Amino acid sequence: MGSTVVHLTAADPSAATLALVAGVALAKAVAALAPGLDAQLKWPNDLLVGGAKCAGILMERTGNAVVIGMGVNLVAAPELPDRPTATLAANGAAIDRDRFAEALAIAMIDALWTWRQEGIGSIIRAWLSQAHPAGTPLRVSEQGIDGFFDGLAPDGALRLRREGGETMLVHAGDVELRRPVEEGN
């Protein structure tokens, strides 16, 4: 879809939380143009539609500038061997590229304002309202650690509740949504 550059100031929250800002903006743009679509945020940087990846966020920092890139599958999606993908069009939301880009730019300006003026707590609340529910089974791929989504920590880290009840914080990594184990399997 495109990229934007955020020039950091000394008063800004942690730059690492910009992935959450971008996710909030992405979810807001999709909700505005495709109300009722089953879209959910997945930590730290994906938007899922019907459980399949429909958009992703990448960030790169150079000095005091962070480039945030967002790829959105409006009409076409790559086939990935490790996860299902989706498009907005295939889910009944045929949205013009320019119209989507405009909605996303407006949502990003709003989310950045909230992040700078109200802090990360407001962004976390907005992000959680668009995320998969607490208790969703997850796996942190690199470490092969399984657990359940237990919200976000105040710094935006993923709270992963382990089978024994302890909670660990995940600050970086690829997280997969797991299907619940059905009884008898």
N, C-alpha and C. Protein backbone atom coordinates (compact mmCIF):
# COMPACT_ATOMS: atom_id res chain seq x y z
N MET A 1 0.83 -1.19 0.00
CA MET A 1 0.00 0.00 0.00
C MET A 1 0.87 1.24 0.00
N GLY A 2 1.89 1.24 0.88
CA GLY A 2 2.75 2.40 0.91
C GLY A 2 3.53 2.50 2.19
N SER A 3 4.30 3.57 2.27
CA SER A 3 5.14 3.82 3.44
C SER A 3 4.96 5.24 3.93
N THR A 4 5.27 5.43 5.18
CA THR A 4 5.27 6.76 5.78
C THR A 4 6.48 6.85 6.68
N VAL A 5 6.97 8.05 6.86
CA VAL A 5 8.12 8.28 7.74
C VAL A 5 7.64 9.06 8.95
N VAL A 6 8.02 8.56 10.13
CA VAL A 6 7.72 9.25 11.37
C VAL A 6 9.04 9.77 11.92
N HIS A 7 9.12 11.08 12.10
CA HIS A 7 10.30 11.70 12.69
C HIS A 7 10.08 11.80 14.19
N LEU A 8 10.90 11.08 14.93
CA LEU A 8 10.74 10.99 16.37
C LEU A 8 11.20 12.25 17.08
N THR A 9 10.51 12.55 18.17
CA THR A 9 10.91 13.66 19.04
C THR A 9 11.25 13.08 20.41
N ALA A 10 11.91 13.85 21.22
CA ALA A 10 12.29 13.40 22.56
C ALA A 10 11.08 13.07 23.43
N ALA A 11 9.94 13.67 23.16
CA ALA A 11 8.75 13.45 23.98
C ALA A 11 7.91 12.25 23.54
N ASP A 12 8.26 11.64 22.40
CA ASP A 12 7.46 10.52 21.88
C ASP A 12 7.60 9.27 22.75
N PRO A 13 6.55 8.44 22.78
CA PRO A 13 6.69 7.12 23.40
C PRO A 13 7.73 6.29 22.63
N SER A 14 8.01 5.11 23.10
CA SER A 14 9.01 4.24 22.48
C SER A 14 8.68 4.00 21.00
N ALA A 15 9.71 4.13 20.17
CA ALA A 15 9.54 3.90 18.73
C ALA A 15 9.06 2.48 18.44
N ALA A 16 9.39 1.53 19.30
CA ALA A 16 8.97 0.15 19.10
C ALA A 16 7.45 0.01 19.07
N THR A 17 6.75 0.94 19.70
CA THR A 17 5.28 0.86 19.75
C THR A 17 4.61 1.39 18.48
N LEU A 18 5.40 1.88 17.54
CA LEU A 18 4.80 2.37 16.28
C LEU A 18 4.13 1.26 15.48
N ALA A 19 4.54 0.01 15.67
CA ALA A 19 3.84 -1.09 15.00
C ALA A 19 2.39 -1.16 15.47
N LEU A 20 2.17 -0.90 16.76
CA LEU A 20 0.80 -0.88 17.27
C LEU A 20 0.03 0.31 16.71
N VAL A 21 0.69 1.45 16.59
CA VAL A 21 0.06 2.64 16.01
C VAL A 21 -0.39 2.34 14.58
N ALA A 22 0.50 1.74 13.81
CA ALA A 22 0.18 1.42 12.42
C ALA A 22 -0.95 0.40 12.34
N GLY A 23 -0.95 -0.58 13.24
CA GLY A 23 -2.03 -1.57 13.27
C GLY A 23 -3.37 -0.94 13.56
N VAL A 24 -3.40 -0.02 14.51
CA VAL A 24 -4.64 0.69 14.84
C VAL A 24 -5.13 1.47 13.62
N ALA A 25 -4.22 2.15 12.94
CA ALA A 25 -4.60 2.92 11.75
C ALA A 25 -5.13 2.00 10.65
N LEU A 26 -4.45 0.89 10.43
CA LEU A 26 -4.86 -0.06 9.40
C LEU A 26 -6.25 -0.62 9.70
N ALA A 27 -6.48 -1.03 10.94
CA ALA A 27 -7.79 -1.57 11.32
C ALA A 27 -8.88 -0.50 11.19
N LYS A 28 -8.55 0.73 11.53
CA LYS A 28 -9.53 1.81 11.43
C LYS A 28 -9.90 2.09 9.97
N ALA A 29 -8.91 2.07 9.09
CA ALA A 29 -9.19 2.29 7.66
C ALA A 29 -10.06 1.18 7.09
N VAL A 30 -9.74 -0.06 7.45
CA VAL A 30 -10.54 -1.19 6.96
C VAL A 30 -11.97 -1.10 7.50
N ALA A 31 -12.12 -0.79 8.78
CA ALA A 31 -13.45 -0.69 9.38
C ALA A 31 -14.27 0.43 8.75
N ALA A 32 -13.59 1.53 8.39
CA ALA A 32 -14.31 2.66 7.78
C ALA A 32 -14.82 2.32 6.38
N LEU A 33 -14.03 1.55 5.63
CA LEU A 33 -14.39 1.26 4.24
C LEU A 33 -15.09 -0.09 4.07
N ALA A 34 -14.97 -0.95 5.04
CA ALA A 34 -15.60 -2.27 4.95
C ALA A 34 -16.21 -2.64 6.30
N PRO A 35 -17.21 -1.88 6.74
CA PRO A 35 -17.81 -2.18 8.05
C PRO A 35 -18.39 -3.59 8.07
N GLY A 36 -18.22 -4.26 9.18
CA GLY A 36 -18.75 -5.60 9.33
C GLY A 36 -17.79 -6.69 8.87
N LEU A 37 -16.68 -6.32 8.26
CA LEU A 37 -15.70 -7.32 7.83
C LEU A 37 -15.04 -7.93 9.06
N ASP A 38 -14.81 -9.24 9.03
CA ASP A 38 -14.18 -9.95 10.15
C ASP A 38 -12.67 -9.72 10.12
N ALA A 39 -12.24 -8.53 10.54
CA ALA A 39 -10.82 -8.17 10.55
C ALA A 39 -10.33 -8.09 11.99
N GLN A 40 -9.14 -8.65 12.22
CA GLN A 40 -8.55 -8.63 13.56
C GLN A 40 -7.06 -8.36 13.45
N LEU A 41 -6.53 -7.67 14.45
CA LEU A 41 -5.09 -7.45 14.53
C LEU A 41 -4.44 -8.64 15.23
N LYS A 42 -3.25 -9.00 14.73
CA LYS A 42 -2.44 -10.05 15.34
C LYS A 42 -1.09 -9.44 15.68
N TRP A 43 -0.67 -9.59 16.92
CA TRP A 43 0.58 -9.00 17.38
C TRP A 43 1.76 -9.61 16.64
N PRO A 44 2.75 -8.85 16.26
CA PRO A 44 2.84 -7.41 16.44
C PRO A 44 2.42 -6.60 15.23
N ASN A 45 2.25 -7.27 14.06
CA ASN A 45 2.18 -6.44 12.86
C ASN A 45 1.33 -6.98 11.72
N ASP A 46 0.31 -7.72 11.99
CA ASP A 46 -0.54 -8.27 10.92
C ASP A 46 -2.00 -7.91 11.12
N LEU A 47 -2.71 -7.83 9.99
CA LEU A 47 -4.17 -7.71 10.01
C LEU A 47 -4.71 -8.97 9.35
N LEU A 48 -5.57 -9.65 10.05
CA LEU A 48 -6.18 -10.88 9.55
C LEU A 48 -7.62 -10.62 9.15
N VAL A 49 -8.05 -11.27 8.09
CA VAL A 49 -9.44 -11.24 7.69
C VAL A 49 -9.90 -12.70 7.60
N GLY A 50 -10.90 -13.02 8.39
CA GLY A 50 -11.35 -14.41 8.44
C GLY A 50 -10.24 -15.35 8.87
N GLY A 51 -9.32 -14.89 9.69
CA GLY A 51 -8.23 -15.70 10.19
C GLY A 51 -7.03 -15.81 9.26
N ALA A 52 -7.10 -15.19 8.08
CA ALA A 52 -6.00 -15.26 7.11
C ALA A 52 -5.32 -13.89 6.99
N LYS A 53 -4.02 -13.90 6.73
CA LYS A 53 -3.26 -12.65 6.65
C LYS A 53 -3.71 -11.84 5.44
N CYS A 54 -4.11 -10.60 5.71
CA CYS A 54 -4.56 -9.69 4.67
C CYS A 54 -3.66 -8.46 4.56
N ALA A 55 -2.91 -8.17 5.59
CA ALA A 55 -2.02 -7.00 5.57
C ALA A 55 -0.90 -7.21 6.58
N GLY A 56 0.22 -6.56 6.29
CA GLY A 56 1.36 -6.63 7.18
C GLY A 56 2.04 -5.29 7.30
N ILE A 57 2.77 -5.12 8.37
CA ILE A 57 3.46 -3.87 8.68
C ILE A 57 4.93 -4.19 8.90
N LEU A 58 5.79 -3.42 8.26
CA LEU A 58 7.23 -3.53 8.47
C LEU A 58 7.76 -2.17 8.89
N MET A 59 8.75 -2.17 9.77
CA MET A 59 9.33 -0.90 10.21
C MET A 59 10.85 -0.98 10.13
N GLU A 60 11.44 0.16 9.80
CA GLU A 60 12.90 0.28 9.80
C GLU A 60 13.26 1.64 10.35
N ARG A 61 14.21 1.62 11.27
CA ARG A 61 14.61 2.88 11.91
C ARG A 61 16.01 3.28 11.46
N THR A 62 16.15 4.55 11.14
CA THR A 62 17.44 5.15 10.83
C THR A 62 17.52 6.45 11.62
N GLY A 63 18.38 6.47 12.62
CA GLY A 63 18.49 7.67 13.45
C GLY A 63 17.17 7.97 14.14
N ASN A 64 16.66 9.17 13.93
CA ASN A 64 15.39 9.59 14.53
C ASN A 64 14.22 9.46 13.57
N ALA A 65 14.40 8.69 12.51
CA ALA A 65 13.31 8.48 11.56
C ALA A 65 12.94 7.00 11.51
N VAL A 66 11.65 6.73 11.52
CA VAL A 66 11.15 5.37 11.39
C VAL A 66 10.29 5.31 10.13
N VAL A 67 10.66 4.42 9.22
CA VAL A 67 9.86 4.19 8.02
C VAL A 67 8.91 3.04 8.32
N ILE A 68 7.63 3.32 8.15
CA ILE A 68 6.60 2.31 8.39
C ILE A 68 6.01 1.94 7.03
N GLY A 69 6.18 0.69 6.65
CA GLY A 69 5.61 0.20 5.39
C GLY A 69 4.42 -0.69 5.68
N MET A 70 3.35 -0.50 4.91
CA MET A 70 2.15 -1.32 5.07
C MET A 70 1.77 -1.93 3.74
N GLY A 71 1.66 -3.23 3.72
CA GLY A 71 1.20 -3.93 2.53
C GLY A 71 -0.19 -4.47 2.80
N VAL A 72 -1.12 -4.15 1.92
CA VAL A 72 -2.52 -4.56 2.10
C VAL A 72 -2.96 -5.32 0.85
N ASN A 73 -3.51 -6.50 1.03
CA ASN A 73 -4.01 -7.30 -0.08
C ASN A 73 -5.42 -6.82 -0.44
N LEU A 74 -5.48 -5.82 -1.30
CA LEU A 74 -6.79 -5.31 -1.71
C LEU A 74 -7.47 -6.28 -2.65
N VAL A 75 -6.76 -6.71 -3.71
CA VAL A 75 -7.35 -7.55 -4.75
C VAL A 75 -6.63 -8.88 -4.90
N ALA A 76 -5.32 -8.90 -4.72
CA ALA A 76 -4.53 -10.11 -4.89
C ALA A 76 -3.71 -10.37 -3.63
N ALA A 77 -3.40 -11.64 -3.39
CA ALA A 77 -2.60 -12.03 -2.22
C ALA A 77 -1.61 -13.10 -2.64
N PRO A 78 -0.42 -13.04 -2.09
CA PRO A 78 0.56 -14.09 -2.40
C PRO A 78 0.13 -15.41 -1.74
N GLU A 79 0.53 -16.51 -2.34
CA GLU A 79 0.31 -17.80 -1.69
C GLU A 79 1.53 -18.06 -0.81
N LEU A 80 1.29 -18.27 0.46
CA LEU A 80 2.37 -18.52 1.41
C LEU A 80 2.29 -19.96 1.88
N PRO A 81 3.43 -20.64 1.99
CA PRO A 81 3.40 -22.06 2.40
C PRO A 81 3.05 -22.27 3.86
N ASP A 82 3.26 -21.23 4.70
CA ASP A 82 3.09 -21.42 6.13
C ASP A 82 1.85 -20.79 6.73
N ARG A 83 1.05 -20.10 5.92
CA ARG A 83 -0.16 -19.47 6.47
C ARG A 83 -1.13 -19.11 5.35
N PRO A 84 -2.42 -19.12 5.66
CA PRO A 84 -3.40 -18.69 4.65
C PRO A 84 -3.37 -17.18 4.47
N THR A 85 -3.70 -16.74 3.27
CA THR A 85 -3.77 -15.31 2.99
C THR A 85 -5.17 -14.97 2.47
N ALA A 86 -5.49 -13.69 2.53
CA ALA A 86 -6.82 -13.23 2.12
C ALA A 86 -6.69 -11.89 1.42
N THR A 87 -7.73 -11.53 0.70
CA THR A 87 -7.83 -10.20 0.11
C THR A 87 -9.12 -9.56 0.60
N LEU A 88 -9.12 -8.24 0.59
CA LEU A 88 -10.35 -7.55 0.95
C LEU A 88 -11.43 -7.82 -0.09
N ALA A 89 -11.05 -7.82 -1.37
CA ALA A 89 -12.02 -8.03 -2.45
C ALA A 89 -12.70 -9.39 -2.33
N ALA A 90 -11.94 -10.43 -2.04
CA ALA A 90 -12.51 -11.78 -1.92
C ALA A 90 -13.43 -11.89 -0.72
N ASN A 91 -13.35 -10.94 0.19
CA ASN A 91 -14.21 -10.93 1.37
C ASN A 91 -15.30 -9.88 1.27
N GLY A 92 -15.63 -9.52 0.03
CA GLY A 92 -16.76 -8.62 -0.22
C GLY A 92 -16.46 -7.14 -0.08
N ALA A 93 -15.17 -6.77 -0.01
CA ALA A 93 -14.82 -5.36 0.17
C ALA A 93 -13.93 -4.90 -0.98
N ALA A 94 -14.53 -4.69 -2.13
CA ALA A 94 -13.79 -4.20 -3.29
C ALA A 94 -13.57 -2.70 -3.10
N ILE A 95 -12.36 -2.33 -2.72
CA ILE A 95 -12.04 -0.94 -2.39
C ILE A 95 -10.97 -0.44 -3.36
N ASP A 96 -11.22 0.70 -3.93
CA ASP A 96 -10.26 1.34 -4.82
C ASP A 96 -8.97 1.66 -4.06
N ARG A 97 -7.83 1.42 -4.71
CA ARG A 97 -6.52 1.64 -4.08
C ARG A 97 -6.35 3.06 -3.56
N ASP A 98 -6.69 4.05 -4.37
CA ASP A 98 -6.52 5.44 -3.96
C ASP A 98 -7.44 5.81 -2.80
N ARG A 99 -8.64 5.29 -2.83
CA ARG A 99 -9.58 5.54 -1.73
C ARG A 99 -9.07 4.92 -0.44
N PHE A 100 -8.51 3.70 -0.55
CA PHE A 100 -7.97 3.06 0.64
C PHE A 100 -6.75 3.82 1.16
N ALA A 101 -5.88 4.24 0.27
CA ALA A 101 -4.67 4.98 0.67
C ALA A 101 -5.05 6.27 1.40
N GLU A 102 -6.08 6.94 0.92
CA GLU A 102 -6.53 8.18 1.58
C GLU A 102 -7.07 7.89 2.98
N ALA A 103 -7.90 6.85 3.09
CA ALA A 103 -8.45 6.49 4.40
C ALA A 103 -7.35 6.07 5.37
N LEU A 104 -6.35 5.35 4.86
CA LEU A 104 -5.24 4.91 5.70
C LEU A 104 -4.39 6.10 6.15
N ALA A 105 -4.15 7.04 5.27
CA ALA A 105 -3.36 8.23 5.64
C ALA A 105 -4.06 9.02 6.74
N ILE A 106 -5.36 9.19 6.62
CA ILE A 106 -6.13 9.93 7.63
C ILE A 106 -6.10 9.18 8.97
N ALA A 107 -6.28 7.85 8.90
CA ALA A 107 -6.27 7.04 10.12
C ALA A 107 -4.88 7.06 10.77
N MET A 108 -3.83 7.09 9.95
CA MET A 108 -2.47 7.12 10.50
C MET A 108 -2.19 8.45 11.19
N ILE A 109 -2.63 9.54 10.59
CA ILE A 109 -2.46 10.85 11.22
C ILE A 109 -3.17 10.87 12.58
N ASP A 110 -4.38 10.33 12.63
CA ASP A 110 -5.15 10.30 13.87
C ASP A 110 -4.46 9.42 14.92
N ALA A 111 -3.98 8.23 14.51
CA ALA A 111 -3.33 7.32 15.46
C ALA A 111 -2.01 7.91 15.97
N LEU A 112 -1.25 8.56 15.09
CA LEU A 112 -0.01 9.20 15.53
C LEU A 112 -0.29 10.33 16.53
N TRP A 113 -1.33 11.11 16.27
CA TRP A 113 -1.71 12.18 17.20
C TRP A 113 -2.03 11.58 18.56
N THR A 114 -2.83 10.51 18.57
CA THR A 114 -3.19 9.85 19.83
C THR A 114 -1.95 9.35 20.55
N TRP A 115 -1.04 8.71 19.83
CA TRP A 115 0.19 8.17 20.40
C TRP A 115 1.02 9.28 21.04
N ARG A 116 1.13 10.40 20.35
CA ARG A 116 1.95 11.51 20.86
C ARG A 116 1.26 12.29 21.97
N GLN A 117 -0.05 12.48 21.88
CA GLN A 117 -0.75 13.33 22.85
C GLN A 117 -1.28 12.56 24.05
N GLU A 118 -1.73 11.33 23.83
CA GLU A 118 -2.35 10.57 24.92
C GLU A 118 -1.46 9.44 25.44
N GLY A 119 -0.46 9.08 24.67
CA GLY A 119 0.47 8.04 25.09
C GLY A 119 0.09 6.66 24.60
N ILE A 120 0.97 5.73 24.91
CA ILE A 120 0.81 4.36 24.40
C ILE A 120 -0.40 3.65 25.00
N GLY A 121 -0.82 4.04 26.20
CA GLY A 121 -1.99 3.39 26.81
C GLY A 121 -3.24 3.50 25.95
N SER A 122 -3.46 4.65 25.35
CA SER A 122 -4.63 4.82 24.47
C SER A 122 -4.51 3.96 23.22
N ILE A 123 -3.30 3.85 22.70
CA ILE A 123 -3.07 3.02 21.51
C ILE A 123 -3.28 1.55 21.85
N ILE A 124 -2.78 1.12 23.00
CA ILE A 124 -2.97 -0.27 23.41
C ILE A 124 -4.45 -0.60 23.56
N ARG A 125 -5.21 0.30 24.16
CA ARG A 125 -6.66 0.05 24.30
C ARG A 125 -7.32 -0.05 22.93
N ALA A 126 -6.97 0.83 22.02
CA ALA A 126 -7.54 0.78 20.66
C ALA A 126 -7.11 -0.49 19.94
N TRP A 127 -5.85 -0.87 20.11
CA TRP A 127 -5.34 -2.09 19.46
C TRP A 127 -6.08 -3.32 19.99
N LEU A 128 -6.21 -3.40 21.31
CA LEU A 128 -6.88 -4.56 21.91
C LEU A 128 -8.34 -4.67 21.46
N SER A 129 -9.00 -3.55 21.21
CA SER A 129 -10.40 -3.59 20.77
C SER A 129 -10.53 -4.18 19.36
N GLN A 130 -9.43 -4.26 18.63
CA GLN A 130 -9.44 -4.81 17.27
C GLN A 130 -8.73 -6.16 17.17
N ALA A 131 -8.23 -6.67 18.28
CA ALA A 131 -7.41 -7.89 18.28
C ALA A 131 -8.25 -9.14 18.51
N HIS A 132 -7.63 -10.28 18.29
CA HIS A 132 -8.25 -11.56 18.64
C HIS A 132 -8.46 -11.57 20.15
N PRO A 133 -9.42 -12.34 20.62
CA PRO A 133 -9.77 -12.27 22.04
C PRO A 133 -8.72 -12.89 22.97
N ALA A 134 -8.74 -12.44 24.22
CA ALA A 134 -7.91 -13.06 25.24
C ALA A 134 -8.24 -14.55 25.29
N GLY A 135 -7.21 -15.36 25.51
CA GLY A 135 -7.39 -16.81 25.54
C GLY A 135 -7.12 -17.48 24.20
N THR A 136 -6.91 -16.69 23.15
CA THR A 136 -6.60 -17.27 21.83
C THR A 136 -5.27 -18.02 21.93
N PRO A 137 -5.23 -19.30 21.50
CA PRO A 137 -3.97 -20.04 21.53
C PRO A 137 -2.96 -19.44 20.55
N LEU A 138 -1.71 -19.27 21.03
CA LEU A 138 -0.64 -18.68 20.22
C LEU A 138 0.61 -19.53 20.31
N ARG A 139 1.49 -19.35 19.33
CA ARG A 139 2.83 -19.94 19.37
C ARG A 139 3.83 -18.87 18.96
N VAL A 140 4.88 -18.71 19.75
CA VAL A 140 6.00 -17.86 19.38
C VAL A 140 6.93 -18.75 18.57
N SER A 141 6.94 -18.56 17.25
CA SER A 141 7.56 -19.51 16.32
C SER A 141 9.03 -19.77 16.59
N GLU A 142 9.84 -18.72 16.71
CA GLU A 142 11.28 -18.91 16.84
C GLU A 142 11.65 -19.78 18.04
N GLN A 143 10.97 -19.58 19.15
CA GLN A 143 11.26 -20.33 20.36
C GLN A 143 10.41 -21.59 20.49
N GLY A 144 9.39 -21.74 19.67
CA GLY A 144 8.50 -22.88 19.78
C GLY A 144 7.73 -22.89 21.09
N ILE A 145 7.40 -21.71 21.60
CA ILE A 145 6.71 -21.58 22.89
C ILE A 145 5.22 -21.38 22.64
N ASP A 146 4.42 -22.23 23.26
CA ASP A 146 2.97 -22.13 23.14
C ASP A 146 2.38 -21.47 24.37
N GLY A 147 1.22 -20.86 24.18
CA GLY A 147 0.51 -20.24 25.29
C GLY A 147 -0.77 -19.64 24.78
N PHE A 148 -1.31 -18.72 25.56
CA PHE A 148 -2.59 -18.10 25.25
C PHE A 148 -2.45 -16.58 25.33
N PHE A 149 -3.08 -15.89 24.40
CA PHE A 149 -3.04 -14.44 24.38
C PHE A 149 -3.65 -13.91 25.67
N ASP A 150 -2.90 -13.05 26.35
CA ASP A 150 -3.35 -12.49 27.62
C ASP A 150 -3.23 -10.96 27.60
N GLY A 151 -3.41 -10.38 26.42
CA GLY A 151 -3.37 -8.93 26.30
C GLY A 151 -1.97 -8.42 26.04
N LEU A 152 -1.80 -7.12 26.28
CA LEU A 152 -0.51 -6.47 26.06
C LEU A 152 -0.04 -5.83 27.37
N ALA A 153 1.27 -5.81 27.55
CA ALA A 153 1.87 -5.13 28.70
C ALA A 153 1.82 -3.63 28.45
N PRO A 154 2.04 -2.82 29.46
CA PRO A 154 2.01 -1.36 29.29
C PRO A 154 2.99 -0.82 28.25
N ASP A 155 4.05 -1.57 27.95
CA ASP A 155 5.01 -1.14 26.93
C ASP A 155 4.69 -1.69 25.55
N GLY A 156 3.57 -2.42 25.41
CA GLY A 156 3.16 -2.97 24.13
C GLY A 156 3.62 -4.39 23.89
N ALA A 157 4.38 -4.98 24.81
CA ALA A 157 4.82 -6.37 24.67
C ALA A 157 3.61 -7.30 24.76
N LEU A 158 3.70 -8.42 24.09
CA LEU A 158 2.67 -9.45 24.14
C LEU A 158 2.74 -10.19 25.47
N ARG A 159 1.60 -10.34 26.11
CA ARG A 159 1.50 -11.16 27.32
C ARG A 159 1.05 -12.55 26.89
N LEU A 160 1.91 -13.54 27.12
CA LEU A 160 1.64 -14.93 26.75
C LEU A 160 1.47 -15.74 28.02
N ARG A 161 0.24 -16.20 28.26
CA ARG A 161 -0.04 -17.02 29.45
C ARG A 161 0.27 -18.47 29.10
N ARG A 162 1.17 -19.06 29.85
CA ARG A 162 1.59 -20.44 29.62
C ARG A 162 0.60 -21.42 30.24
N GLU A 163 0.70 -22.66 29.85
CA GLU A 163 -0.21 -23.71 30.32
C GLU A 163 -0.27 -23.77 31.85
N GLY A 164 0.86 -23.58 32.52
CA GLY A 164 0.91 -23.65 33.98
C GLY A 164 0.39 -22.41 34.69
N GLY A 165 -0.01 -21.39 33.92
CA GLY A 165 -0.58 -20.19 34.51
C GLY A 165 0.37 -19.01 34.58
N GLU A 166 1.69 -19.26 34.44
CA GLU A 166 2.62 -18.13 34.47
C GLU A 166 2.50 -17.34 33.17
N THR A 167 2.83 -16.06 33.25
CA THR A 167 2.75 -15.18 32.08
C THR A 167 4.14 -14.71 31.73
N MET A 168 4.47 -14.81 30.43
CA MET A 168 5.76 -14.30 29.96
C MET A 168 5.50 -13.15 29.00
N LEU A 169 6.45 -12.23 28.93
CA LEU A 169 6.35 -11.12 28.00
C LEU A 169 7.19 -11.41 26.77
N VAL A 170 6.61 -11.13 25.60
CA VAL A 170 7.30 -11.31 24.33
C VAL A 170 7.46 -9.93 23.71
N HIS A 171 8.69 -9.51 23.53
CA HIS A 171 8.97 -8.17 22.99
C HIS A 171 9.19 -8.18 21.49
N ALA A 172 9.56 -9.33 20.93
CA ALA A 172 9.78 -9.44 19.49
C ALA A 172 9.61 -10.89 19.10
N GLY A 173 9.20 -11.12 17.88
CA GLY A 173 9.08 -12.48 17.39
C GLY A 173 7.89 -12.64 16.47
N ASP A 174 7.89 -13.76 15.78
CA ASP A 174 6.78 -14.11 14.90
C ASP A 174 5.80 -14.94 15.70
N VAL A 175 4.58 -14.47 15.78
CA VAL A 175 3.56 -15.15 16.57
C VAL A 175 2.50 -15.72 15.64
N GLU A 176 2.18 -16.98 15.85
CA GLU A 176 1.15 -17.66 15.06
C GLU A 176 -0.08 -17.87 15.93
N LEU A 177 -1.25 -17.70 15.33
CA LEU A 177 -2.48 -18.10 16.00
C LEU A 177 -2.61 -19.60 15.80
N ARG A 178 -2.90 -20.30 16.88
CA ARG A 178 -3.05 -21.75 16.82
C ARG A 178 -4.52 -22.08 16.94
N ARG A 179 -4.88 -23.16 16.33
CA ARG A 179 -6.26 -23.63 16.49
C ARG A 179 -6.39 -24.32 17.84
N PRO A 180 -7.51 -24.10 18.53
CA PRO A 180 -7.70 -24.80 19.81
C PRO A 180 -7.68 -26.31 19.60
N VAL A 181 -7.10 -27.05 20.54
CA VAL A 181 -7.10 -28.50 20.46
C VAL A 181 -8.50 -28.99 20.79
N GLU A 182 -9.06 -29.80 19.90
CA GLU A 182 -10.40 -30.31 20.14
C GLU A 182 -10.30 -31.61 20.93
N GLU A 183 -11.26 -31.80 21.80
CA GLU A 183 -11.26 -33.01 22.63
C GLU A 183 -11.38 -34.22 21.73
N GLY A 184 -10.62 -35.27 22.10
CA GLY A 184 -10.63 -36.50 21.31
C GLY A 184 -9.56 -36.50 20.25
N ASN A 185 -8.83 -35.40 20.07
CA ASN A 185 -7.75 -35.36 19.06
C ASN A 185 -6.39 -35.35 19.71
